[in-house]
Amino acid sequence: MPSRKTEFKEYVLDQLRLLNYVECKPMFGGFGLYCRGIFFGIIADGGVYFKTDLSTVDSYKERGMKPFKPSAKQTLKNYYELPPEILEDEQQIAEWAEISIRL
């Protein structure tokens, strides 16, 4: 029987199906997301985190999203949790992923 972690990973990959060449590799106790060999996201702790920079981070912060914290002492400020409404919309998640891939 698949775990919730595996089911969530499969859901995220299904939502990203509009992108070509998405790969998912174990990382941080979760999974790293790659497209055409470019690392752009993380699946961990029931969330999806996309790479951000100064030009994109406000889109996440405005929606109340937080950066990825792999541990209590570490925060990856360049990876922010994807808003649920974006995750649930295959067109929007593909657009947000493409932006993260280009960073």
C-alpha atoms as a PDB file:
ATOM      1  CA  MET A   1       0.000   0.000   0.000  1.00  0.00           C
ATOM      2  CA  PRO A   2       1.509   3.375  -1.016  1.00  0.00           C
ATOM      3  CA  SER A   3       2.349   5.841   1.744  1.00  0.00           C
ATOM      4  CA  ARG A   4       0.821   9.313   1.928  1.00  0.00           C
ATOM      5  CA  LYS A   5       4.242  10.699   1.000  1.00  0.00           C
ATOM      6  CA  THR A   6       4.306   8.597  -2.173  1.00  0.00           C
ATOM      7  CA  GLU A   7       0.687   9.424  -3.013  1.00  0.00           C
ATOM      8  CA  PHE A   8       1.349  13.154  -2.614  1.00  0.00           C
ATOM      9  CA  LYS A   9       4.478  12.903  -4.776  1.00  0.00           C
ATOM     10  CA  GLU A  10       2.461  11.158  -7.504  1.00  0.00           C
ATOM     11  CA  TYR A  11      -0.264  13.824  -7.245  1.00  0.00           C
ATOM     12  CA  VAL A  12       2.306  16.619  -7.673  1.00  0.00           C
ATOM     13  CA  LEU A  13       3.906  14.883 -10.656  1.00  0.00           C
ATOM     14  CA  ASP A  14       0.473  14.429 -12.207  1.00  0.00           C
ATOM     15  CA  GLN A  15      -0.253  18.141 -11.707  1.00  0.00           C
ATOM     16  CA  LEU A  16       3.058  18.932 -13.469  1.00  0.00           C
ATOM     17  CA  ARG A  17       2.228  16.747 -16.473  1.00  0.00           C
ATOM     18  CA  LEU A  18       2.012  19.751 -18.821  1.00  0.00           C
ATOM     19  CA  LEU A  19       5.792  20.136 -18.461  1.00  0.00           C
ATOM     20  CA  ASN A  20       8.117  17.851 -20.359  1.00  0.00           C
ATOM     21  CA  TYR A  21      10.946  15.946 -18.709  1.00  0.00           C
ATOM     22  CA  VAL A  22      10.033  16.391 -15.031  1.00  0.00           C
ATOM     23  CA  GLU A  23      12.015  14.081 -12.777  1.00  0.00           C
ATOM     24  CA  CYS A  24      11.657  13.475  -9.065  1.00  0.00           C
ATOM     25  CA  LYS A  25      14.590  12.285  -6.933  1.00  0.00           C
ATOM     26  CA  PRO A  26      14.813  11.530  -3.182  1.00  0.00           C
ATOM     27  CA  MET A  27      16.153  14.507  -1.194  1.00  0.00           C
ATOM     28  CA  PHE A  28      15.905  16.053   2.338  1.00  0.00           C
ATOM     29  CA  GLY A  29      13.636  13.180   3.396  1.00  0.00           C
ATOM     30  CA  GLY A  30      11.365  14.327   0.557  1.00  0.00           C
ATOM     31  CA  PHE A  31      11.937  14.710  -3.173  1.00  0.00           C
ATOM     32  CA  GLY A  32      13.715  17.133  -5.481  1.00  0.00           C
ATOM     33  CA  LEU A  33      11.968  18.249  -8.668  1.00  0.00           C
ATOM     34  CA  TYR A  34      13.983  18.630 -11.860  1.00  0.00           C
ATOM     35  CA  CYS A  35      12.974  19.687 -15.351  1.00  0.00           C
ATOM     36  CA  ARG A  36      15.387  19.147 -18.216  1.00  0.00           C
ATOM     37  CA  GLY A  37      18.056  18.571 -15.562  1.00  0.00           C
ATOM     38  CA  ILE A  38      17.377  21.870 -13.742  1.00  0.00           C
ATOM     39  CA  PHE A  39      16.537  21.680 -10.037  1.00  0.00           C
ATOM     40  CA  PHE A  40      13.484  23.870  -9.419  1.00  0.00           C
ATOM     41  CA  GLY A  41      11.450  22.460  -6.543  1.00  0.00           C
ATOM     42  CA  ILE A  42      11.121  20.330  -3.433  1.00  0.00           C
ATOM     43  CA  ILE A  43       8.328  18.064  -2.218  1.00  0.00           C
ATOM     44  CA  ALA A  44       8.540  17.700   1.574  1.00  0.00           C
ATOM     45  CA  ASP A  45       6.297  17.500   4.627  1.00  0.00           C
ATOM     46  CA  GLY A  46       3.108  17.578   2.559  1.00  0.00           C
ATOM     47  CA  GLY A  47       4.105  20.739   0.704  1.00  0.00           C
ATOM     48  CA  VAL A  48       5.640  21.749  -2.605  1.00  0.00           C
ATOM     49  CA  TYR A  49       8.335  24.421  -2.645  1.00  0.00           C
ATOM     50  CA  PHE A  50       9.473  26.196  -5.812  1.00  0.00           C
ATOM     51  CA  LYS A  51      12.683  28.142  -6.360  1.00  0.00           C
ATOM     52  CA  THR A  52      12.246  31.912  -6.001  1.00  0.00           C
ATOM     53  CA  ASP A  53      14.299  35.070  -6.371  1.00  0.00           C
ATOM     54  CA  LEU A  54      13.722  38.771  -5.718  1.00  0.00           C
ATOM     55  CA  SER A  55      11.502  39.022  -8.802  1.00  0.00           C
ATOM     56  CA  THR A  56       9.177  36.183  -7.762  1.00  0.00           C
ATOM     57  CA  VAL A  57       9.206  35.785  -3.975  1.00  0.00           C
ATOM     58  CA  ASP A  58       6.523  38.430  -3.386  1.00  0.00           C
ATOM     59  CA  SER A  59       3.992  36.313  -5.332  1.00  0.00           C
ATOM     60  CA  TYR A  60       4.434  33.673  -2.618  1.00  0.00           C
ATOM     61  CA  LYS A  61       4.620  36.035   0.368  1.00  0.00           C
ATOM     62  CA  GLU A  62       1.467  37.905  -0.723  1.00  0.00           C
ATOM     63  CA  ARG A  63      -0.395  34.600  -0.416  1.00  0.00           C
ATOM     64  CA  GLY A  64       1.025  33.946   3.060  1.00  0.00           C
ATOM     65  CA  MET A  65       3.422  31.225   1.964  1.00  0.00           C
ATOM     66  CA  LYS A  66       6.608  30.465   3.915  1.00  0.00           C
ATOM     67  CA  PRO A  67      10.131  29.347   2.958  1.00  0.00           C
ATOM     68  CA  PHE A  68      11.231  25.712   3.148  1.00  0.00           C
ATOM     69  CA  LYS A  69      12.621  24.671   6.546  1.00  0.00           C
ATOM     70  CA  PRO A  70      14.343  21.282   6.296  1.00  0.00           C
ATOM     71  CA  SER A  71      15.183  21.524  10.022  1.00  0.00           C
ATOM     72  CA  ALA A  72      14.579  23.794  12.998  1.00  0.00           C
ATOM     73  CA  LYS A  73      17.965  25.446  12.446  1.00  0.00           C
ATOM     74  CA  GLN A  74      17.890  25.725   8.649  1.00  0.00           C
ATOM     75  CA  THR A  75      15.697  27.739   6.289  1.00  0.00           C
ATOM     76  CA  LEU A  76      16.119  27.767   2.515  1.00  0.00           C
ATOM     77  CA  LYS A  77      14.939  31.287   1.704  1.00  0.00           C
ATOM     78  CA  ASN A  78      15.101  30.701  -2.061  1.00  0.00           C
ATOM     79  CA  TYR A  79      12.408  27.987  -1.923  1.00  0.00           C
ATOM     80  CA  TYR A  80       8.864  28.959  -0.970  1.00  0.00           C
ATOM     81  CA  GLU A  81       5.808  26.803  -0.495  1.00  0.00           C
ATOM     82  CA  LEU A  82       3.485  26.759  -3.472  1.00  0.00           C
ATOM     83  CA  PRO A  83       0.032  28.218  -2.715  1.00  0.00           C
ATOM     84  CA  PRO A  84      -2.674  25.500  -2.639  1.00  0.00           C
ATOM     85  CA  GLU A  85      -4.727  27.184  -5.373  1.00  0.00           C
ATOM     86  CA  ILE A  86      -1.689  27.059  -7.695  1.00  0.00           C
ATOM     87  CA  LEU A  87      -0.946  23.420  -6.833  1.00  0.00           C
ATOM     88  CA  GLU A  88      -4.524  22.452  -7.647  1.00  0.00           C
ATOM     89  CA  ASP A  89      -4.533  24.156 -11.069  1.00  0.00           C
ATOM     90  CA  GLU A  90      -2.450  22.253 -13.636  1.00  0.00           C
ATOM     91  CA  GLN A  91      -2.118  25.275 -15.943  1.00  0.00           C
ATOM     92  CA  GLN A  92      -0.982  27.633 -13.174  1.00  0.00           C
ATOM     93  CA  ILE A  93       1.408  25.143 -11.575  1.00  0.00           C
ATOM     94  CA  ALA A  94       3.036  24.619 -14.981  1.00  0.00           C
ATOM     95  CA  GLU A  95       3.415  28.397 -15.406  1.00  0.00           C
ATOM     96  CA  TRP A  96       4.878  28.873 -11.922  1.00  0.00           C
ATOM     97  CA  ALA A  97       7.222  25.903 -12.446  1.00  0.00           C
ATOM     98  CA  GLU A  98       8.464  27.329 -15.771  1.00  0.00           C
ATOM     99  CA  ILE A  99       9.303  30.596 -13.996  1.00  0.00           C
ATOM    100  CA  SER A 100      11.221  28.702 -11.298  1.00  0.00           C
ATOM    101  CA  ILE A 101      13.063  26.650 -13.916  1.00  0.00           C
ATOM    102  CA  ARG A 102      14.286  29.829 -15.635  1.00  0.00           C
ATOM    103  CA  LEU A 103      15.727  31.318 -12.402  1.00  0.00           C
END
